[in-house]
Every structure is written in structure tokens, then in C-alpha cells.
Amino acid sequence: LGVDLFYVLPFDEAMKGLSDQDFARLVLHEGLDVRHVAVGFDISFGKGRTGSPATMRTYGERFGFGVSVAEAVADTDGEKYSSTGVRDALREGRPEDAAAILGRPFAIEGPVQRGRQLGRELGFPTANVHLDDYVQPRFGVYATRTRLPDGREIPGVANIGVNPTVGEVAPLLEVWLFDFDEDIYDQTIETDLITFLRPEAKFGSLQEMVDQVMRDADQARKILMPDF
């Protein structure tokens, strides 16, 4: 009966009707034949969300699989860390708070795309990486550190957004690596967001944009390279 249920009903509809015990038996034990399950401290599962870490342990003993429960981690004020907290921090332009939850800076990784090379013409060549399925941080300018495939780490300044001044459409990371002039097209880089500097803006002219980018670069250098 349990197997037939998943063939007859769409998967999500079938899942919604399962009690917590049926989920553990039909899905975890009989369906996936799991040996061990790791769950969060605040998990709920099954119809009516009646399942809990305690009941999962009970079902693990009954059906023969181990269960580990990740304990809550909180900041010094007792605020519970969560993936939602990371997303909210990034969307609000608080990369330092996201880093505190993750234990490291949030990073965007991807191959360097070939663009119009407008930045190079204007005096600040950028390495461009599409955001793809990443959580979109607040659009704007960030002080950054970028790791190259060979392990070097380069400080820089980046814009994340649609670059309204020059008409970009797809959200993009455009990072200017300081004191760096090498061809890294198609290479995969990883850029840490260190500090949010300002929101993305549309300028009245390219010269206004260039002047602001230079001010952004000076600010980023002072943050990332205190001796600059």
C-alpha cells in the first residue's frame, strides 16, 4: 500500500498525507533504507507537523537507523542562528552578520565571463560572474577578497546588481581586483563579500560613475589593506 501510494499520487500530495510515523517508516526506512539521519534541533515533519527530534529518535530505534540532532547555535544575545538569518543578512546588506553565522564570509563562486570590457576602457577592469542560483545579496558595492584557482587571494571592490548606468539586465558580480592584470577568463574564482559600502546607483554620466568607483576603491582598500 505504501509503495502504491507514491505511484498513484503526485509526490508532494502523497507526502502531505503521511503521519510522522508513516514518513519515518515508508520514506526513510522502506523507501530509502537509510542507516543514519541528521536533523535540526527544531525539525517538524509529518501531517500536522507532529514529528519532532524526540519522535525521530524513537522511530530510528524502531526501524533500525541512527539519528543525530544538531543543537541550536546562538549569538551572544541568544539570537538563534539559521539559514533564514543568513539570507536576511545578505538581502539587507549585512555580510558581516552572515559571516558570523556561517563561520566564514559568504562567497560567490563561478567562471569569469567575457563581457563588453567597458570597465577596462574606463580604468577599472572587472571579472564578471553571473549570480545564477545564489541568494541575491543586496544590490550595491562591496569590499571583497577573491580567491584564484592557484590559491592567491586578491583584495578588491565589487558591484552586485544590474548596472543601470550602462544597461546591464541580468544580476551580475563585477569585481575589480586591485593591482592585478592577468587573463582569467573562463577560470573559476570565489569572491568573499566583506563589507557593504553603498547601494547600487544609476549615474547621470559614465564620468560620474568612474569618479564614484574610484572613491569606492579607496574605501575598500582602507578596509582590506589598512596600511594603504
Protein backbone atom coordinates (compact mmCIF):
# COMPACT_ATOMS: atom_id res chain seq x y z
CA LEU A 1 0.00 0.00 0.00
CA GLY A 2 2.76 2.41 0.88
CA VAL A 3 4.53 1.89 -2.46
CA ASP A 4 1.32 2.18 -4.47
CA LEU A 5 0.54 5.49 -2.74
CA PHE A 6 3.61 7.15 -4.25
CA TYR A 7 2.82 5.91 -7.74
CA VAL A 8 -0.83 6.94 -7.69
CA LEU A 9 -0.49 10.40 -6.14
CA PRO A 10 1.89 13.22 -7.02
CA PHE A 11 4.86 13.04 -4.65
CA ASP A 12 4.09 16.24 -2.74
CA GLU A 13 0.42 15.28 -2.28
CA ALA A 14 1.41 11.84 -1.01
CA MET A 15 3.89 13.33 1.43
CA LYS A 16 1.36 15.79 2.87
CA GLY A 17 -0.91 12.95 3.94
CA LEU A 18 1.70 10.93 5.82
CA SER A 19 1.81 10.91 9.60
CA ASP A 20 5.21 11.39 11.19
CA GLN A 21 5.45 7.64 11.84
CA ASP A 22 4.46 6.77 8.27
CA PHE A 23 7.05 9.21 6.94
CA ALA A 24 9.75 7.53 9.01
CA ARG A 25 8.60 4.02 8.03
CA LEU A 26 7.57 4.42 4.38
CA VAL A 27 10.03 7.08 3.23
CA LEU A 28 13.12 6.81 5.41
CA HIS A 29 13.08 3.11 6.28
CA GLU A 30 11.31 1.23 3.46
CA GLY A 31 11.79 3.76 0.67
CA LEU A 32 15.35 4.99 1.23
CA ASP A 33 16.64 2.29 3.59
CA VAL A 34 18.59 4.94 5.50
CA ARG A 35 21.23 3.96 8.02
CA HIS A 36 21.51 7.35 9.73
CA VAL A 37 19.53 10.59 9.74
CA ALA A 38 20.80 14.03 10.83
CA VAL A 39 18.12 16.57 11.76
CA GLY A 40 17.97 20.07 13.17
CA PHE A 41 17.00 20.79 16.76
CA ASP A 42 13.69 22.35 15.64
CA ILE A 43 12.63 19.88 12.94
CA SER A 44 8.95 19.09 12.47
CA PHE A 45 7.63 16.54 9.99
CA GLY A 46 4.57 14.52 9.10
CA LYS A 47 0.93 15.54 8.72
CA GLY A 48 0.20 18.42 11.07
CA ARG A 49 3.96 18.74 11.68
CA THR A 50 3.63 16.45 14.69
CA GLY A 51 7.09 14.89 14.32
CA SER A 52 9.98 16.20 16.41
CA PRO A 53 13.62 15.29 17.14
CA ALA A 54 12.39 13.10 20.00
CA THR A 55 9.95 11.17 17.83
CA MET A 56 12.58 10.80 15.09
CA ARG A 57 14.88 9.16 17.65
CA THR A 58 12.02 6.84 18.64
CA TYR A 59 11.41 5.85 15.01
CA GLY A 60 15.12 5.39 14.47
CA GLU A 61 15.22 2.85 17.29
CA ARG A 62 12.09 1.16 15.96
CA PHE A 63 13.18 0.95 12.32
CA GLY A 64 16.89 0.48 12.80
CA PHE A 65 18.54 3.76 11.77
CA GLY A 66 20.66 6.16 13.78
CA VAL A 67 19.60 9.74 14.49
CA SER A 68 21.77 12.79 15.28
CA VAL A 69 20.28 16.11 16.28
CA ALA A 70 22.16 19.33 15.59
CA GLU A 71 21.88 21.59 18.60
CA ALA A 72 20.90 25.25 18.34
CA VAL A 73 23.70 27.77 17.92
CA ALA A 74 23.11 31.36 19.01
CA ASP A 75 24.95 34.66 19.14
CA THR A 76 25.99 36.43 22.32
CA ASP A 77 22.48 37.91 22.68
CA GLY A 78 20.87 34.48 22.49
CA GLU A 79 19.52 35.02 18.96
CA LYS A 80 19.20 31.66 17.19
CA TYR A 81 21.32 31.23 14.08
CA SER A 82 19.52 29.93 10.99
CA SER A 83 19.72 29.79 7.21
CA THR A 84 16.93 32.38 7.18
CA GLY A 85 19.18 34.64 9.23
CA VAL A 86 21.93 34.28 6.62
CA ARG A 87 19.57 35.12 3.76
CA ASP A 88 18.11 38.09 5.60
CA ALA A 89 21.56 39.45 6.45
CA LEU A 90 22.66 39.23 2.81
CA ARG A 91 19.49 40.78 1.43
CA GLU A 92 19.81 43.64 3.89
CA GLY A 93 23.47 44.34 3.09
CA ARG A 94 24.93 42.90 6.30
CA PRO A 95 27.62 40.48 5.06
CA GLU A 96 29.45 40.63 8.41
CA ASP A 97 26.37 39.19 10.15
CA ALA A 98 26.07 36.46 7.53
CA ALA A 99 29.75 35.62 8.08
CA ALA A 100 29.21 35.39 11.85
CA ILE A 101 26.50 32.76 11.32
CA LEU A 102 28.38 30.83 8.63
CA GLY A 103 31.74 30.96 10.37
CA ARG A 104 33.31 32.46 7.23
CA PRO A 105 32.45 35.19 4.72
CA PHE A 106 29.66 34.48 2.26
CA ALA A 107 31.24 33.84 -1.15
CA ILE A 108 30.08 33.84 -4.76
CA GLU A 109 31.82 31.30 -6.97
CA GLY A 110 31.71 30.96 -10.73
CA PRO A 111 33.60 31.17 -14.01
CA VAL A 112 34.73 34.60 -15.21
CA GLN A 113 32.53 35.65 -18.12
CA ARG A 114 33.57 37.63 -21.17
CA GLY A 115 31.75 40.97 -21.23
CA ARG A 116 31.99 44.26 -23.09
CA GLN A 117 35.26 45.14 -21.31
CA LEU A 118 33.85 48.59 -20.56
CA GLY A 119 35.47 48.60 -17.13
CA ARG A 120 38.90 48.10 -18.66
CA GLU A 121 38.30 51.03 -21.02
CA LEU A 122 37.27 53.19 -18.05
CA GLY A 123 40.29 52.27 -15.92
CA PHE A 124 38.95 49.52 -13.67
CA PRO A 125 38.92 46.07 -15.34
CA THR A 126 36.42 43.73 -13.74
CA ALA A 127 35.99 39.98 -13.53
CA ASN A 128 32.32 39.24 -14.12
CA VAL A 129 30.48 36.28 -12.59
CA HIS A 130 26.79 35.50 -13.03
CA LEU A 131 24.84 35.01 -9.79
CA ASP A 132 22.86 32.06 -11.18
CA ASP A 133 21.08 30.31 -8.27
CA TYR A 134 22.83 32.17 -5.45
CA VAL A 135 20.80 34.03 -2.86
CA GLN A 136 20.92 37.57 -4.22
CA PRO A 137 22.68 39.86 -1.75
CA ARG A 138 21.59 43.47 -1.55
CA PHE A 139 22.48 45.16 -4.81
CA GLY A 140 25.37 47.53 -4.32
CA VAL A 141 29.09 47.86 -3.82
CA TYR A 142 31.19 45.65 -1.53
CA ALA A 143 34.77 45.40 -0.31
CA THR A 144 35.82 41.89 -1.35
CA ARG A 145 38.53 39.24 -1.32
CA THR A 146 38.77 36.91 -4.30
CA ARG A 147 40.49 33.52 -4.42
CA LEU A 148 42.00 32.49 -7.73
CA PRO A 149 42.35 28.85 -8.86
CA ASP A 150 46.04 28.89 -7.90
CA GLY A 151 45.20 29.86 -4.32
CA ARG A 152 46.13 33.53 -4.44
CA GLU A 153 43.74 35.86 -2.62
CA ILE A 154 43.27 39.33 -4.09
CA PRO A 155 41.53 42.26 -2.36
CA GLY A 156 39.09 44.23 -4.46
CA VAL A 157 35.83 46.11 -4.80
CA ALA A 158 32.73 44.71 -6.46
CA ASN A 159 29.35 45.78 -7.68
CA ILE A 160 26.49 43.32 -7.42
CA GLY A 161 23.42 44.19 -9.44
CA VAL A 162 22.17 45.11 -12.87
CA ASN A 163 24.47 48.10 -13.51
CA PRO A 164 21.69 50.53 -14.52
CA THR A 165 24.11 53.19 -15.76
CA VAL A 166 25.28 51.07 -18.70
CA GLY A 167 22.13 48.99 -19.20
CA GLU A 168 23.02 45.56 -17.83
CA VAL A 169 19.99 43.32 -17.21
CA ALA A 170 20.95 40.00 -15.57
CA PRO A 171 22.21 40.35 -11.97
CA LEU A 172 25.98 40.12 -12.00
CA LEU A 173 29.01 40.24 -9.73
CA GLU A 174 31.60 42.61 -11.22
CA VAL A 175 34.77 42.60 -9.15
CA TRP A 176 37.80 44.84 -9.68
CA LEU A 177 40.86 43.00 -8.37
CA PHE A 178 43.35 45.53 -7.03
CA ASP A 179 46.85 45.65 -8.56
CA PHE A 180 46.05 42.67 -10.80
CA ASP A 181 46.26 42.43 -14.58
CA GLU A 182 46.09 38.83 -15.78
CA ASP A 183 43.78 36.98 -18.15
CA ILE A 184 41.46 34.86 -16.00
CA TYR A 185 38.56 34.48 -18.45
CA ASP A 186 36.74 31.15 -18.00
CA GLN A 187 38.61 30.44 -14.77
CA THR A 188 36.51 29.80 -11.66
CA ILE A 189 37.00 32.35 -8.91
CA GLU A 190 35.47 32.66 -5.43
CA THR A 191 34.71 36.14 -4.09
CA ASP A 192 34.07 36.81 -0.38
CA LEU A 193 31.74 39.69 0.47
CA ILE A 194 33.47 41.51 3.34
CA THR A 195 31.72 44.86 3.83
CA PHE A 196 28.78 46.59 2.16
CA LEU A 197 29.82 50.07 1.03
CA ARG A 198 26.77 51.58 -0.66
CA PRO A 199 23.62 50.70 -2.64
CA GLU A 200 23.74 50.35 -6.41
CA ALA A 201 23.06 53.67 -8.15
CA LYS A 202 22.30 54.99 -11.61
CA PHE A 203 24.62 57.84 -12.58
CA GLY A 204 23.98 60.70 -14.97
CA SER A 205 27.14 60.01 -16.94
CA LEU A 206 29.96 57.49 -17.23
CA GLN A 207 32.36 60.02 -15.72
CA GLU A 208 30.21 60.34 -12.60
CA MET A 209 30.22 56.55 -12.33
CA VAL A 210 34.01 56.37 -12.75
CA ASP A 211 34.56 59.03 -10.07
CA GLN A 212 32.35 57.10 -7.61
CA VAL A 213 34.03 53.78 -8.40
CA MET A 214 37.41 55.33 -7.58
CA ARG A 215 36.04 56.57 -4.24
CA ASP A 216 34.62 53.10 -3.59
CA ALA A 217 38.00 51.57 -4.37
CA ASP A 218 39.77 53.90 -1.93
CA GLN A 219 37.28 52.99 0.80
CA ALA A 220 37.64 49.26 0.12
CA ARG A 221 41.44 49.48 0.17
CA LYS A 222 41.34 51.17 3.58
CA ILE A 223 39.14 48.37 4.93
CA LEU A 224 41.04 45.49 3.38
CA MET A 225 44.57 46.98 3.35
CA PRO A 226 44.87 49.18 6.47
CA ASP A 227 48.40 50.21 5.55
CA PHE A 228 47.28 51.53 2.15
